[in-house]
């Protein structure tokens, strides 16, 4: 692939056709980047073209992840962003392959291609000692990226919300058809939900200054909620009344074992393990070479401002 114009900056966004990817592709396009979006589902990605000017965003159909194919996708790039990940494992798409091996390959190839910026989006709660395979694989993925691209910027967002998010849209479906809302761990887990647009801003902000290179940023919203409080806010926003049912551990284990039979389980045992630990920004993050959203010059948008815009009350009446 050749550079379309000597003054144009190019970004390749892996995972750009997803929920978070849409926001990041739009943000980079707004900053003047020509954006490449590799995808195995071209129909799913065609709408991305509308997020920029004519000819600015290019979804590329690819069914191969060979080194040659990946190198072609990042050739002449100024920025490579990796968003690829999954909340559940599937056949041929394990946490190890998606969160550890693939990021390592992308970082290695990007470094070999002299890409100036590599941004890897991980998760808040990534921990190599975690009992959650998801959280552990995310931490190992960060290490593998650093091994090949030491100056990579790593972003660790908390639960990301916004139109097409996973949490509130699943909750919307559940609350329409069930007379109660289940609580795991009594709904006590602390969460610092972050607006998807703020994550996109963090990506572009991390490109502005050289001093940002090689840093990790823990990203959380302006307010910490318990899981129960987030669900209560959802009910208040949608003007619904639903009782909460605190599920004992043995029942959750039994239920998630049954859900293994589903092609897309609503919740997994590993997700339950992940929820055993609070998902909030470490207030002493700076001691671990980590920054925050504020260090990137971004003011977080509150959940209360955005939630009513995509879970309208009329939907539930």
Protein backbone atom coordinates (compact mmCIF):
# COMPACT_ATOMS: atom_id res chain seq x y z
CA UNK A 1 0.00 0.00 0.00
CA UNK A 2 1.29 3.47 -0.86
CA UNK A 3 0.86 6.62 1.12
CA UNK A 4 -2.02 8.56 -0.50
CA UNK A 5 -0.41 11.96 0.11
CA UNK A 6 2.93 12.89 1.72
CA UNK A 7 1.22 15.12 4.28
CA UNK A 8 -1.57 12.73 5.23
CA UNK A 9 -1.21 10.73 8.40
CA UNK A 10 -2.36 7.13 8.35
CA UNK A 11 -3.80 5.03 11.18
CA UNK A 12 -4.68 1.35 11.11
CA UNK A 13 -7.27 0.32 13.70
CA UNK A 14 -7.53 -3.40 14.41
CA UNK A 15 -10.96 -4.13 15.87
CA UNK A 16 -12.26 -0.89 14.41
CA UNK A 17 -15.65 -2.27 13.40
CA UNK A 18 -16.76 -2.87 17.00
CA UNK A 19 -18.49 -0.69 19.57
CA UNK A 20 -15.33 1.02 20.81
CA UNK A 21 -13.78 0.94 17.34
CA UNK A 22 -16.52 3.12 15.83
CA UNK A 23 -15.76 5.92 18.29
CA UNK A 24 -11.99 5.69 17.82
CA UNK A 25 -12.18 5.57 14.02
CA UNK A 26 -14.42 8.65 14.07
CA UNK A 27 -12.06 10.48 16.44
CA UNK A 28 -8.98 9.76 14.32
CA UNK A 29 -10.79 10.79 11.16
CA UNK A 30 -11.81 14.05 12.85
CA UNK A 31 -8.12 14.65 13.64
CA UNK A 32 -7.27 14.32 9.95
CA UNK A 33 -6.02 10.73 9.77
CA UNK A 34 -6.70 8.42 6.86
CA UNK A 35 -7.97 5.34 8.69
CA UNK A 36 -7.59 1.72 7.64
CA UNK A 37 -9.91 -0.79 9.29
CA UNK A 38 -9.11 -4.48 8.69
CA UNK A 39 -12.21 -6.65 9.08
CA UNK A 40 -13.49 -10.14 8.35
CA UNK A 41 -17.03 -8.77 8.04
CA UNK A 42 -16.95 -6.01 5.39
CA UNK A 43 -20.73 -5.49 5.51
CA UNK A 44 -20.50 -4.74 9.22
CA UNK A 45 -17.82 -2.12 8.59
CA UNK A 46 -19.30 -0.25 5.62
CA UNK A 47 -21.04 2.23 7.91
CA UNK A 48 -17.63 3.38 9.12
CA UNK A 49 -17.15 5.30 5.87
CA UNK A 50 -19.86 7.71 6.98
CA UNK A 51 -17.80 8.70 10.03
CA UNK A 52 -15.29 10.66 7.94
CA UNK A 53 -14.91 12.51 4.69
CA UNK A 54 -15.21 10.76 1.34
CA UNK A 55 -12.22 8.45 0.86
CA UNK A 56 -10.89 8.98 4.40
CA UNK A 57 -11.90 5.67 6.02
CA UNK A 58 -11.05 2.37 4.34
CA UNK A 59 -12.51 -0.92 5.64
CA UNK A 60 -10.29 -3.75 4.32
CA UNK A 61 -11.69 -7.24 3.94
CA UNK A 62 -9.19 -9.77 5.24
CA UNK A 63 -9.53 -13.43 6.15
CA UNK A 64 -5.89 -14.00 6.90
CA UNK A 65 -3.69 -12.94 9.79
CA UNK A 66 -0.36 -13.95 8.27
CA UNK A 67 2.62 -11.74 8.99
CA UNK A 68 2.68 -10.62 5.35
CA UNK A 69 -0.98 -9.61 5.45
CA UNK A 70 -0.55 -7.72 8.71
CA UNK A 71 2.59 -5.99 7.48
CA UNK A 72 0.73 -4.80 4.38
CA UNK A 73 -1.99 -3.33 6.58
CA UNK A 74 0.44 -1.30 8.70
CA UNK A 75 2.82 -0.27 5.91
CA UNK A 76 3.48 3.50 5.94
CA UNK A 77 1.32 3.92 9.05
CA UNK A 78 1.91 6.61 11.62
CA UNK A 79 -0.37 4.94 14.18
CA UNK A 80 -1.48 1.38 14.88
CA UNK A 81 -4.32 0.89 17.36
CA UNK A 82 -5.18 -2.57 18.70
CA UNK A 83 -8.70 -3.03 20.06
CA UNK A 84 -9.13 -6.73 19.36
CA UNK A 85 -10.52 -8.63 22.31
CA UNK A 86 -13.44 -10.67 23.59
CA UNK A 87 -15.33 -11.07 26.86
CA UNK A 88 -15.88 -14.79 26.26
CA UNK A 89 -13.75 -17.49 24.68
CA UNK A 90 -14.93 -19.37 21.62
CA UNK A 91 -13.53 -22.17 19.52
CA UNK A 92 -10.59 -20.78 17.59
CA UNK A 93 -10.68 -17.49 19.54
CA UNK A 94 -9.17 -18.07 22.98
CA UNK A 95 -8.07 -15.32 25.36
CA UNK A 96 -4.49 -16.47 24.80
CA UNK A 97 -4.72 -16.02 21.03
CA UNK A 98 -6.68 -12.75 21.06
CA UNK A 99 -5.23 -10.98 24.09
CA UNK A 100 -1.63 -12.23 24.17
CA UNK A 101 -0.36 -13.69 20.91
CA UNK A 102 -2.03 -11.31 18.46
CA UNK A 103 -1.02 -8.09 20.29
CA UNK A 104 2.55 -9.40 20.45
CA UNK A 105 2.59 -9.99 16.69
CA UNK A 106 1.11 -6.58 15.93
CA UNK A 107 3.62 -4.85 18.20
CA UNK A 108 6.53 -6.79 16.68
CA UNK A 109 5.46 -6.02 13.12
CA UNK A 110 4.68 -2.38 13.90
CA UNK A 111 8.12 -1.93 15.45
CA UNK A 112 9.73 -3.58 12.43
CA UNK A 113 7.81 -1.26 10.11
CA UNK A 114 8.98 1.83 12.04
CA UNK A 115 5.46 2.81 13.06
CA UNK A 116 5.72 5.91 15.23
CA UNK A 117 2.84 5.15 17.62
CA UNK A 118 1.37 1.89 18.87
CA UNK A 119 -1.70 2.12 21.10
CA UNK A 120 -2.93 -1.01 22.83
CA UNK A 121 -6.33 -0.92 24.54
CA UNK A 122 -6.37 -3.33 27.48
CA UNK A 123 -8.75 -3.22 30.44
CA UNK A 124 -8.86 -1.78 33.92
CA UNK A 125 -8.33 -4.74 36.21
CA UNK A 126 -5.72 -6.44 34.03
CA UNK A 127 -3.72 -8.55 36.48
CA UNK A 128 -1.36 -11.44 35.82
CA UNK A 129 -2.26 -12.88 39.24
CA UNK A 130 -6.03 -12.68 38.73
CA UNK A 131 -8.26 -15.73 38.99
CA UNK A 132 -10.10 -14.40 35.94
CA UNK A 133 -8.58 -15.75 32.72
CA UNK A 134 -9.79 -12.62 30.95
CA UNK A 135 -7.99 -10.25 33.33
CA UNK A 136 -4.87 -12.42 33.40
CA UNK A 137 -4.66 -12.64 29.60
CA UNK A 138 -5.07 -8.88 29.32
CA UNK A 139 -2.10 -8.34 31.66
CA UNK A 140 0.03 -10.84 29.74
CA UNK A 141 -0.96 -9.07 26.54
CA UNK A 142 0.34 -5.78 27.91
CA UNK A 143 3.65 -7.44 28.76
CA UNK A 144 3.93 -8.95 25.29
CA UNK A 145 3.28 -5.56 23.66
CA UNK A 146 5.91 -3.87 25.82
CA UNK A 147 8.45 -6.60 24.94
CA UNK A 148 8.26 -5.74 21.23
CA UNK A 149 7.24 -2.07 21.32
CA UNK A 150 8.55 -0.48 24.55
CA UNK A 151 7.14 2.95 23.66
CA UNK A 152 3.61 1.66 23.17
CA UNK A 153 0.83 3.53 24.95
CA UNK A 154 -1.44 1.20 26.92
CA UNK A 155 -4.95 2.32 27.82
CA UNK A 156 -6.89 0.52 30.55
CA UNK A 157 -10.53 1.68 30.43
CA UNK A 158 -13.08 0.66 33.03
CA UNK A 159 -16.52 -0.55 31.89
CA UNK A 160 -17.22 1.45 28.72
CA UNK A 161 -20.76 2.69 28.13
CA UNK A 162 -22.51 4.34 25.22
CA UNK A 163 -24.82 3.43 22.32
CA UNK A 164 -24.28 -0.24 21.36
CA UNK A 165 -22.49 -1.03 24.64
CA UNK A 166 -22.62 -4.52 26.10
CA UNK A 167 -23.77 -3.92 29.66
CA UNK A 168 -26.77 -1.60 29.45
CA UNK A 169 -28.10 -3.02 26.20
CA UNK A 170 -28.05 -6.54 27.66
CA UNK A 171 -29.68 -5.18 30.80
CA UNK A 172 -32.38 -3.56 28.65
CA UNK A 173 -33.26 -6.90 27.07
CA UNK A 174 -33.24 -8.70 30.41
CA UNK A 175 -35.41 -6.12 32.16
CA UNK A 176 -38.06 -6.28 29.44
CA UNK A 177 -38.62 -10.00 29.76
CA UNK A 178 -37.83 -10.86 33.38
CA UNK A 179 -39.61 -9.71 36.55
CA UNK A 180 -36.38 -9.23 38.55
CA UNK A 181 -32.73 -8.27 38.13
CA UNK A 182 -30.06 -10.68 39.44
CA UNK A 183 -27.17 -9.44 41.52
CA UNK A 184 -23.79 -11.16 41.52
CA UNK A 185 -21.85 -10.68 44.76
CA UNK A 186 -24.84 -8.76 46.04
CA UNK A 187 -24.12 -6.00 43.51
CA UNK A 188 -21.31 -4.71 45.74
CA UNK A 189 -18.56 -4.61 43.10
CA UNK A 190 -17.34 -1.03 42.57
CA UNK A 191 -17.20 0.19 38.97
CA UNK A 192 -16.05 3.48 37.40
CA UNK A 193 -17.93 3.49 34.06
CA UNK A 194 -16.38 5.50 31.24
CA UNK A 195 -18.07 7.06 28.20
CA UNK A 196 -16.91 5.56 24.91
CA UNK A 197 -16.21 9.02 23.49
CA UNK A 198 -13.74 9.68 26.31
CA UNK A 199 -11.80 6.54 25.39
CA UNK A 200 -11.59 7.77 21.81
CA UNK A 201 -10.34 11.14 23.06
CA UNK A 202 -7.69 9.33 25.12
CA UNK A 203 -6.39 7.65 21.97
CA UNK A 204 -5.95 10.94 20.10
CA UNK A 205 -4.60 12.76 23.17
CA UNK A 206 -1.90 10.14 23.68
CA UNK A 207 -0.56 10.95 20.20
CA UNK A 208 0.00 14.64 20.87
CA UNK A 209 3.10 14.58 23.05
CA UNK A 210 6.22 12.44 22.90
CA UNK A 211 6.28 12.21 26.69
CA UNK A 212 3.15 10.04 26.51
CA UNK A 213 5.04 7.23 24.79
CA UNK A 214 5.68 4.15 26.90
CA UNK A 215 3.05 5.07 29.50
CA UNK A 216 0.03 3.20 30.81
CA UNK A 217 -3.17 5.11 31.51
CA UNK A 218 -5.95 3.89 33.78
CA UNK A 219 -9.20 5.39 32.54
CA UNK A 220 -12.31 5.78 34.63
CA UNK A 221 -15.35 8.03 34.65
CA UNK A 222 -16.07 10.88 37.08
CA UNK A 223 -18.04 8.75 39.53
CA UNK A 224 -17.72 5.34 41.19
CA UNK A 225 -20.86 3.19 41.49
CA UNK A 226 -21.61 -0.19 42.91
CA UNK A 227 -22.96 -2.63 40.34
CA UNK A 228 -26.33 -2.38 42.09
CA UNK A 229 -26.27 1.42 41.88
CA UNK A 230 -25.63 1.26 38.14
CA UNK A 231 -28.62 -1.04 37.72
CA UNK A 232 -30.75 1.24 39.89
CA UNK A 233 -29.78 4.20 37.71
CA UNK A 234 -30.81 2.22 34.64
CA UNK A 235 -34.23 1.47 36.18
CA UNK A 236 -34.70 5.11 37.17
CA UNK A 237 -33.75 6.28 33.67
CA UNK A 238 -36.18 3.88 32.01
CA UNK A 239 -38.90 4.43 34.64
CA UNK A 240 -39.08 0.75 35.49
CA UNK A 241 -39.57 -1.02 38.79
CA UNK A 242 -37.86 -4.35 39.23
CA UNK A 243 -36.89 -6.13 42.45
CA UNK A 244 -33.30 -7.26 42.87
CA UNK A 245 -32.41 -10.87 43.58
CA UNK A 246 -29.05 -11.51 45.21
CA UNK A 247 -27.78 -14.83 43.90
CA UNK A 248 -25.77 -17.13 46.18
CA UNK A 249 -22.40 -18.29 44.88
CA UNK A 250 -23.46 -21.90 44.48
CA UNK A 251 -26.41 -20.87 42.30
CA UNK A 252 -24.25 -18.58 40.15
CA UNK A 253 -21.80 -21.43 39.63
CA UNK A 254 -24.62 -23.79 38.68
CA UNK A 255 -26.18 -21.26 36.34
CA UNK A 256 -22.96 -20.38 34.52
CA UNK A 257 -22.20 -24.09 34.11
CA UNK A 258 -25.54 -24.42 32.33
CA UNK A 259 -24.84 -21.33 30.22
CA UNK A 260 -21.75 -23.05 28.79
CA UNK A 261 -24.16 -24.88 26.50
CA UNK A 262 -25.19 -21.60 24.86
CA UNK A 263 -23.28 -20.30 21.79
CA UNK A 264 -23.40 -16.79 23.31
CA UNK A 265 -23.82 -17.21 27.08
CA UNK A 266 -25.29 -14.18 28.90
CA UNK A 267 -22.68 -14.59 31.64
CA UNK A 268 -19.72 -16.91 32.19
CA UNK A 269 -17.87 -18.23 35.23
CA UNK A 270 -14.86 -16.20 34.22
CA UNK A 271 -16.89 -12.99 34.10
CA UNK A 272 -18.16 -13.76 37.58
CA UNK A 273 -14.56 -14.16 38.76
CA UNK A 274 -13.71 -10.81 37.14
CA UNK A 275 -16.56 -9.15 39.06
CA UNK A 276 -15.16 -10.36 42.38
CA UNK A 277 -12.74 -7.43 42.30
CA UNK A 278 -13.55 -3.71 42.14
CA UNK A 279 -12.97 -2.08 38.75
CA UNK A 280 -11.78 1.41 39.64
CA UNK A 281 -8.77 3.58 38.88
CA UNK A 282 -5.87 3.10 41.26
CA UNK A 283 -5.49 6.40 43.10
CA UNK A 284 -1.75 5.71 43.36
CA UNK A 285 -1.44 4.87 39.67
CA UNK A 286 1.31 7.41 39.10
CA UNK A 287 3.69 5.34 41.24
CA UNK A 288 3.42 2.55 38.67
CA UNK A 289 4.20 4.65 35.56
CA UNK A 290 0.48 5.00 35.00
CA UNK A 291 -1.52 8.10 34.32
CA UNK A 292 -5.21 8.93 34.30
CA UNK A 293 -7.75 10.58 32.03
CA UNK A 294 -6.95 13.90 33.71
CA UNK A 295 -3.26 13.54 32.78
CA UNK A 296 -4.40 13.38 29.15
CA UNK A 297 -6.33 16.63 29.59
CA UNK A 298 -9.76 15.01 29.27
CA UNK A 299 -12.82 15.73 31.38
CA UNK A 300 -14.90 12.59 31.78
CA UNK A 301 -18.60 12.69 30.91
CA UNK A 302 -20.95 11.33 33.56
CA UNK A 303 -23.11 8.27 33.04
CA UNK A 304 -26.22 10.27 33.96
CA UNK A 305 -25.67 12.56 30.97
CA UNK A 306 -25.44 9.84 28.33
CA UNK A 307 -27.60 6.94 29.52
CA UNK A 308 -30.96 8.68 28.82
CA UNK A 309 -29.88 9.26 25.22
CA UNK A 310 -29.80 5.59 24.27
CA UNK A 311 -32.14 3.81 26.69
CA UNK A 312 -35.30 5.92 26.18
CA UNK A 313 -38.23 5.36 28.52
CA UNK A 314 -40.67 4.79 25.67
CA UNK A 315 -38.84 1.58 24.75
CA UNK A 316 -40.00 -0.06 27.97
CA UNK A 317 -43.67 1.02 27.92
